């Protein structure tokens, strides 16, 4: 069965000399990014994402739940 990595971890936990701490696990998750340019995130929120402050949001799909409106 084929397998695909969807994320690049923020911290490679396999390279640690011992067990990962809670802080290291949190860092690995928080700093993860999509593995390839054809992958991204889906924002489900009533408020339009702030792409000025967070320009990476411009690459995400956004859905407004109350109307079903979708933008990217």
PDB file of N, CA and C in Angstrom:
ATOM      1  N   UNK A   1       0.844  -1.176   0.000  1.00  0.00           N
ATOM      2  CA  UNK A   1       0.000   0.000   0.000  1.00  0.00           C
ATOM      3  C   UNK A   1       0.891   1.242   0.000  1.00  0.00           C
ATOM      4  N   UNK A   2       0.591   2.171  -0.888  1.00  0.00           N
ATOM      5  CA  UNK A   2       1.370   3.405  -0.989  1.00  0.00           C
ATOM      6  C   UNK A   2       1.130   4.293   0.225  1.00  0.00           C
ATOM      7  N   UNK A   3       2.148   5.078   0.546  1.00  0.00           N
ATOM      8  CA  UNK A   3       2.049   5.978   1.685  1.00  0.00           C
ATOM      9  C   UNK A   3       2.557   7.347   1.272  1.00  0.00           C
ATOM     10  N   UNK A   4       1.991   8.380   1.843  1.00  0.00           N
ATOM     11  CA  UNK A   4       2.408   9.740   1.522  1.00  0.00           C
ATOM     12  C   UNK A   4       2.502  10.551   2.808  1.00  0.00           C
ATOM     13  N   UNK A   5       3.580  11.302   2.961  1.00  0.00           N
ATOM     14  CA  UNK A   5       3.699  12.212   4.094  1.00  0.00           C
ATOM     15  C   UNK A   5       3.018  13.517   3.734  1.00  0.00           C
ATOM     16  N   UNK A   6       2.090  13.947   4.558  1.00  0.00           N
ATOM     17  CA  UNK A   6       1.362  15.178   4.297  1.00  0.00           C
ATOM     18  C   UNK A   6       1.974  16.379   4.995  1.00  0.00           C
ATOM     19  N   UNK A   7       2.800  16.123   6.004  1.00  0.00           N
ATOM     20  CA  UNK A   7       3.417  17.206   6.763  1.00  0.00           C
ATOM     21  C   UNK A   7       4.924  17.010   6.876  1.00  0.00           C
ATOM     22  N   UNK A   8       5.619  18.117   6.952  1.00  0.00           N
ATOM     23  CA  UNK A   8       7.031  18.106   7.342  1.00  0.00           C
ATOM     24  C   UNK A   8       7.035  18.596   8.781  1.00  0.00           C
ATOM     25  N   UNK A   9       7.495  17.761   9.681  1.00  0.00           N
ATOM     26  CA  UNK A   9       7.455  18.100  11.110  1.00  0.00           C
ATOM     27  C   UNK A   9       8.341  19.308  11.406  1.00  0.00           C
ATOM     28  N   UNK A  10       7.949  20.066  12.402  1.00  0.00           N
ATOM     29  CA  UNK A  10       8.723  21.236  12.807  1.00  0.00           C
ATOM     30  C   UNK A  10      10.012  20.855  13.509  1.00  0.00           C
ATOM     31  N   UNK A  11      10.027  19.708  14.145  1.00  0.00           N
ATOM     32  CA  UNK A  11      11.215  19.184  14.825  1.00  0.00           C
ATOM     33  C   UNK A  11      11.211  17.681  14.605  1.00  0.00           C
ATOM     34  N   UNK A  12      12.276  17.159  14.041  1.00  0.00           N
ATOM     35  CA  UNK A  12      12.374  15.720  13.792  1.00  0.00           C
ATOM     36  C   UNK A  12      12.638  15.008  15.117  1.00  0.00           C
ATOM     37  N   UNK A  13      11.611  14.396  15.661  1.00  0.00           N
ATOM     38  CA  UNK A  13      11.732  13.736  16.968  1.00  0.00           C
ATOM     39  C   UNK A  13      12.576  12.468  16.899  1.00  0.00           C
ATOM     40  N   UNK A  14      12.741  11.899  15.718  1.00  0.00           N
ATOM     41  CA  UNK A  14      13.540  10.671  15.609  1.00  0.00           C
ATOM     42  C   UNK A  14      15.025  10.927  15.807  1.00  0.00           C
ATOM     43  N   UNK A  15      15.448  12.172  15.677  1.00  0.00           N
ATOM     44  CA  UNK A  15      16.854  12.506  15.841  1.00  0.00           C
ATOM     45  C   UNK A  15      17.259  12.808  17.275  1.00  0.00           C
ATOM     46  N   UNK A  16      16.322  12.757  18.183  1.00  0.00           N
ATOM     47  CA  UNK A  16      16.628  13.061  19.581  1.00  0.00           C
ATOM     48  C   UNK A  16      17.349  11.882  20.240  1.00  0.00           C
ATOM     49  N   UNK A  17      18.263  12.158  21.177  1.00  0.00           N
ATOM     50  CA  UNK A  17      19.007  11.083  21.828  1.00  0.00           C
ATOM     51  C   UNK A  17      18.172  10.258  22.809  1.00  0.00           C
ATOM     52  N   UNK A  18      17.037  10.785  23.229  1.00  0.00           N
ATOM     53  CA  UNK A  18      16.198  10.065  24.196  1.00  0.00           C
ATOM     54  C   UNK A  18      14.737  10.350  23.918  1.00  0.00           C
ATOM     55  N   UNK A  19      13.901  10.154  24.932  1.00  0.00           N
ATOM     56  CA  UNK A  19      12.481  10.424  24.779  1.00  0.00           C
ATOM     57  C   UNK A  19      12.231  11.913  24.580  1.00  0.00           C
ATOM     58  N   UNK A  20      11.250  12.232  23.749  1.00  0.00           N
ATOM     59  CA  UNK A  20      10.890  13.629  23.495  1.00  0.00           C
ATOM     60  C   UNK A  20      10.154  14.197  24.704  1.00  0.00           C
ATOM     61  N   UNK A  21      10.439  15.451  25.000  1.00  0.00           N
ATOM     62  CA  UNK A  21       9.705  16.135  26.070  1.00  0.00           C
ATOM     63  C   UNK A  21       8.390  16.647  25.502  1.00  0.00           C
ATOM     64  N   UNK A  22       7.485  17.029  26.380  1.00  0.00           N
ATOM     65  CA  UNK A  22       6.219  17.605  25.931  1.00  0.00           C
ATOM     66  C   UNK A  22       6.464  18.855  25.085  1.00  0.00           C
ATOM     67  N   UNK A  23       7.430  19.671  25.467  1.00  0.00           N
ATOM     68  CA  UNK A  23       7.741  20.893  24.722  1.00  0.00           C
ATOM     69  C   UNK A  23       8.251  20.570  23.321  1.00  0.00           C
ATOM     70  N   UNK A  24       9.060  19.529  23.189  1.00  0.00           N
ATOM     71  CA  UNK A  24       9.579  19.147  21.876  1.00  0.00           C
ATOM     72  C   UNK A  24       8.460  18.603  20.976  1.00  0.00           C
ATOM     73  N   UNK A  25       7.558  17.844  21.545  1.00  0.00           N
ATOM     74  CA  UNK A  25       6.416  17.325  20.777  1.00  0.00           C
ATOM     75  C   UNK A  25       5.540  18.487  20.312  1.00  0.00           C
ATOM     76  N   UNK A  26       5.281  19.430  21.210  1.00  0.00           N
ATOM     77  CA  UNK A  26       4.483  20.603  20.859  1.00  0.00           C
ATOM     78  C   UNK A  26       5.168  21.396  19.743  1.00  0.00           C
ATOM     79  N   UNK A  27       6.472  21.587  19.835  1.00  0.00           N
ATOM     80  CA  UNK A  27       7.213  22.301  18.796  1.00  0.00           C
ATOM     81  C   UNK A  27       7.093  21.572  17.461  1.00  0.00           C
ATOM     82  N   UNK A  28       7.192  20.275  17.464  1.00  0.00           N
ATOM     83  CA  UNK A  28       7.106  19.489  16.241  1.00  0.00           C
ATOM     84  C   UNK A  28       5.758  19.692  15.546  1.00  0.00           C
ATOM     85  N   UNK A  29       4.693  19.731  16.336  1.00  0.00           N
ATOM     86  CA  UNK A  29       3.354  19.908  15.782  1.00  0.00           C
ATOM     87  C   UNK A  29       3.118  21.356  15.343  1.00  0.00           C
ATOM     88  N   UNK A  30       3.438  22.315  16.198  1.00  0.00           N
ATOM     89  CA  UNK A  30       3.180  23.724  15.895  1.00  0.00           C
ATOM     90  C   UNK A  30       3.943  24.236  14.673  1.00  0.00           C
ATOM     91  N   UNK A  31       5.120  23.718  14.450  1.00  0.00           N
ATOM     92  CA  UNK A  31       5.949  24.209  13.353  1.00  0.00           C
ATOM     93  C   UNK A  31       5.838  23.346  12.097  1.00  0.00           C
ATOM     94  N   UNK A  32       4.924  22.389  12.091  1.00  0.00           N
ATOM     95  CA  UNK A  32       4.733  21.546  10.920  1.00  0.00           C
ATOM     96  C   UNK A  32       4.177  22.370   9.759  1.00  0.00           C
ATOM     97  N   UNK A  33       4.569  21.989   8.558  1.00  0.00           N
ATOM     98  CA  UNK A  33       4.101  22.656   7.337  1.00  0.00           C
ATOM     99  C   UNK A  33       3.692  21.586   6.326  1.00  0.00           C
ATOM    100  N   UNK A  34       2.844  21.945   5.347  1.00  0.00           N
ATOM    101  CA  UNK A  34       2.485  20.981   4.303  1.00  0.00           C
ATOM    102  C   UNK A  34       3.746  20.473   3.585  1.00  0.00           C
ATOM    103  N   UNK A  35       3.750  19.200   3.241  1.00  0.00           N
ATOM    104  CA  UNK A  35       4.925  18.566   2.655  1.00  0.00           C
ATOM    105  C   UNK A  35       5.203  19.007   1.216  1.00  0.00           C
ATOM    106  N   UNK A  36       4.181  19.373   0.475  1.00  0.00           N
ATOM    107  CA  UNK A  36       4.360  19.788  -0.913  1.00  0.00           C
ATOM    108  C   UNK A  36       3.454  20.983  -1.205  1.00  0.00           C
ATOM    109  N   UNK A  37       3.753  21.734  -2.268  1.00  0.00           N
ATOM    110  CA  UNK A  37       2.938  22.922  -2.593  1.00  0.00           C
ATOM    111  C   UNK A  37       1.481  22.600  -2.944  1.00  0.00           C
ATOM    112  N   UNK A  38       1.182  21.357  -3.294  1.00  0.00           N
ATOM    113  CA  UNK A  38      -0.200  21.021  -3.645  1.00  0.00           C
ATOM    114  C   UNK A  38      -1.044  20.638  -2.425  1.00  0.00           C
ATOM    115  N   UNK A  39      -0.473  20.773  -1.238  1.00  0.00           N
ATOM    116  CA  UNK A  39      -1.207  20.509   0.006  1.00  0.00           C
ATOM    117  C   UNK A  39      -1.358  21.809   0.777  1.00  0.00           C
ATOM    118  N   UNK A  40      -2.407  21.918   1.576  1.00  0.00           N
ATOM    119  CA  UNK A  40      -2.599  23.126   2.364  1.00  0.00           C
ATOM    120  C   UNK A  40      -3.599  22.891   3.478  1.00  0.00           C
ATOM    121  N   UNK A  41      -4.158  23.959   3.993  1.00  0.00           N
ATOM    122  CA  UNK A  41      -5.078  23.901   5.118  1.00  0.00           C
ATOM    123  C   UNK A  41      -6.430  24.458   4.708  1.00  0.00           C
ATOM    124  N   UNK A  42      -7.440  24.101   5.456  1.00  0.00           N
ATOM    125  CA  UNK A  42      -8.797  24.584   5.234  1.00  0.00           C
ATOM    126  C   UNK A  42      -9.227  25.322   6.493  1.00  0.00           C
ATOM    127  N   UNK A  43      -9.556  26.606   6.337  1.00  0.00           N
ATOM    128  CA  UNK A  43     -10.003  27.422   7.466  1.00  0.00           C
ATOM    129  C   UNK A  43     -11.524  27.449   7.452  1.00  0.00           C
ATOM    130  N   UNK A  44     -12.132  27.079   8.554  1.00  0.00           N
ATOM    131  CA  UNK A  44     -13.575  27.085   8.720  1.00  0.00           C
ATOM    132  C   UNK A  44     -13.885  28.118   9.785  1.00  0.00           C
ATOM    133  N   UNK A  45     -14.321  29.331   9.362  1.00  0.00           N
ATOM    134  CA  UNK A  45     -14.515  30.431  10.304  1.00  0.00           C
ATOM    135  C   UNK A  45     -15.456  31.456   9.696  1.00  0.00           C
ATOM    136  N   UNK A  46     -16.222  32.124  10.535  1.00  0.00           N
ATOM    137  CA  UNK A  46     -17.116  33.184  10.072  1.00  0.00           C
ATOM    138  C   UNK A  46     -16.348  34.413   9.598  1.00  0.00           C
ATOM    139  N   UNK A  47     -15.176  34.633  10.151  1.00  0.00           N
ATOM    140  CA  UNK A  47     -14.385  35.822   9.852  1.00  0.00           C
ATOM    141  C   UNK A  47     -13.369  35.525   8.761  1.00  0.00           C
ATOM    142  N   UNK A  48     -13.258  36.420   7.790  1.00  0.00           N
ATOM    143  CA  UNK A  48     -12.268  36.277   6.732  1.00  0.00           C
ATOM    144  C   UNK A  48     -10.864  36.286   7.338  1.00  0.00           C
ATOM    145  N   UNK A  49     -10.010  35.349   6.936  1.00  0.00           N
ATOM    146  CA  UNK A  49      -8.652  35.312   7.482  1.00  0.00           C
ATOM    147  C   UNK A  49      -7.872  36.603   7.198  1.00  0.00           C
ATOM    148  N   UNK A  50      -7.031  36.986   8.116  1.00  0.00           N
ATOM    149  CA  UNK A  50      -6.216  38.196   7.998  1.00  0.00           C
ATOM    150  C   UNK A  50      -4.944  37.875   7.211  1.00  0.00           C
ATOM    151  N   UNK A  51      -5.022  38.018   5.878  1.00  0.00           N
ATOM    152  CA  UNK A  51      -3.877  37.681   5.038  1.00  0.00           C
ATOM    153  C   UNK A  51      -2.799  38.756   5.045  1.00  0.00           C
ATOM    154  N   UNK A  52      -3.115  39.929   5.574  1.00  0.00           N
ATOM    155  CA  UNK A  52      -2.099  40.972   5.687  1.00  0.00           C
ATOM    156  C   UNK A  52      -1.114  40.625   6.797  1.00  0.00           C
ATOM    157  N   UNK A  53      -1.636  40.237   7.950  1.00  0.00           N
ATOM    158  CA  UNK A  53      -0.791  39.858   9.075  1.00  0.00           C
ATOM    159  C   UNK A  53      -0.174  38.479   8.872  1.00  0.00           C
ATOM    160  N   UNK A  54      -0.955  37.558   8.301  1.00  0.00           N
ATOM    161  CA  UNK A  54      -0.515  36.175   8.098  1.00  0.00           C
ATOM    162  C   UNK A  54      -0.623  35.827   6.613  1.00  0.00           C
ATOM    163  N   UNK A  55       0.375  36.216   5.803  1.00  0.00           N
ATOM    164  CA  UNK A  55       0.295  36.016   4.359  1.00  0.00           C
ATOM    165  C   UNK A  55       0.142  34.550   3.924  1.00  0.00           C
ATOM    166  N   UNK A  56       0.580  33.610   4.763  1.00  0.00           N
ATOM    167  CA  UNK A  56       0.419  32.197   4.389  1.00  0.00           C
ATOM    168  C   UNK A  56      -1.053  31.802   4.284  1.00  0.00           C
ATOM    169  N   UNK A  57      -1.950  32.539   4.951  1.00  0.00           N
ATOM    170  CA  UNK A  57      -3.380  32.249   4.848  1.00  0.00           C
ATOM    171  C   UNK A  57      -3.899  32.401   3.425  1.00  0.00           C
ATOM    172  N   UNK A  58      -3.219  33.174   2.612  1.00  0.00           N
ATOM    173  CA  UNK A  58      -3.658  33.389   1.232  1.00  0.00           C
ATOM    174  C   UNK A  58      -3.627  32.097   0.413  1.00  0.00           C
ATOM    175  N   UNK A  59      -2.908  31.102   0.873  1.00  0.00           N
ATOM    176  CA  UNK A  59      -2.839  29.829   0.143  1.00  0.00           C
ATOM    177  C   UNK A  59      -3.841  28.802   0.667  1.00  0.00           C
ATOM    178  N   UNK A  60      -4.621  29.162   1.682  1.00  0.00           N
ATOM    179  CA  UNK A  60      -5.567  28.228   2.283  1.00  0.00           C
ATOM    180  C   UNK A  60      -6.969  28.435   1.717  1.00  0.00           C
ATOM    181  N   UNK A  61      -7.774  27.386   1.729  1.00  0.00           N
ATOM    182  CA  UNK A  61      -9.190  27.516   1.405  1.00  0.00           C
ATOM    183  C   UNK A  61      -9.899  28.002   2.657  1.00  0.00           C
ATOM    184  N   UNK A  62     -10.831  28.921   2.483  1.00  0.00           N
ATOM    185  CA  UNK A  62     -11.605  29.449   3.601  1.00  0.00           C
ATOM    186  C   UNK A  62     -13.080  29.211   3.336  1.00  0.00           C
ATOM    187  N   UNK A  63     -13.798  28.688   4.331  1.00  0.00           N
ATOM    188  CA  UNK A  63     -15.240  28.489   4.245  1.00  0.00           C
ATOM    189  C   UNK A  63     -15.923  29.219   5.385  1.00  0.00           C
ATOM    190  N   UNK A  64     -16.954  29.993   5.034  1.00  0.00           N
ATOM    191  CA  UNK A  64     -17.782  30.674   6.033  1.00  0.00           C
ATOM    192  C   UNK A  64     -18.953  29.739   6.341  1.00  0.00           C
ATOM    193  N   UNK A  65     -18.995  29.140   7.539  1.00  0.00           N
ATOM    194  CA  UNK A  65     -19.992  28.110   7.854  1.00  0.00           C
ATOM    195  C   UNK A  65     -21.448  28.556   7.710  1.00  0.00           C
ATOM    196  N   UNK A  66     -21.760  29.788   8.068  1.00  0.00           N
ATOM    197  CA  UNK A  66     -23.160  30.223   8.047  1.00  0.00           C
ATOM    198  C   UNK A  66     -23.739  30.310   6.644  1.00  0.00           C
ATOM    199  N   UNK A  67     -22.898  30.541   5.643  1.00  0.00           N
ATOM    200  CA  UNK A  67     -23.379  30.691   4.268  1.00  0.00           C
ATOM    201  C   UNK A  67     -22.858  29.606   3.324  1.00  0.00           C
ATOM    202  N   UNK A  68     -21.827  28.898   3.749  1.00  0.00           N
ATOM    203  CA  UNK A  68     -21.201  27.903   2.879  1.00  0.00           C
ATOM    204  C   UNK A  68     -20.292  28.521   1.831  1.00  0.00           C
ATOM    205  N   UNK A  69     -20.131  29.834   1.890  1.00  0.00           N
ATOM    206  CA  UNK A  69     -19.251  30.556   0.956  1.00  0.00           C
ATOM    207  C   UNK A  69     -17.837  30.039   1.087  1.00  0.00           C
ATOM    208  N   UNK A  70     -17.194  29.787  -0.064  1.00  0.00           N
ATOM    209  CA  UNK A  70     -15.809  29.322  -0.063  1.00  0.00           C
ATOM    210  C   UNK A  70     -14.957  30.271  -0.893  1.00  0.00           C
ATOM    211  N   UNK A  71     -13.763  30.537  -0.382  1.00  0.00           N
ATOM    212  CA  UNK A  71     -12.808  31.389  -1.096  1.00  0.00           C
ATOM    213  C   UNK A  71     -11.427  30.795  -0.918  1.00  0.00           C
ATOM    214  N   UNK A  72     -10.531  31.187  -1.799  1.00  0.00           N
ATOM    215  CA  UNK A  72      -9.127  30.807  -1.658  1.00  0.00           C
ATOM    216  C   UNK A  72      -8.249  31.899  -2.200  1.00  0.00           C
TER     217      UNK A  72
END
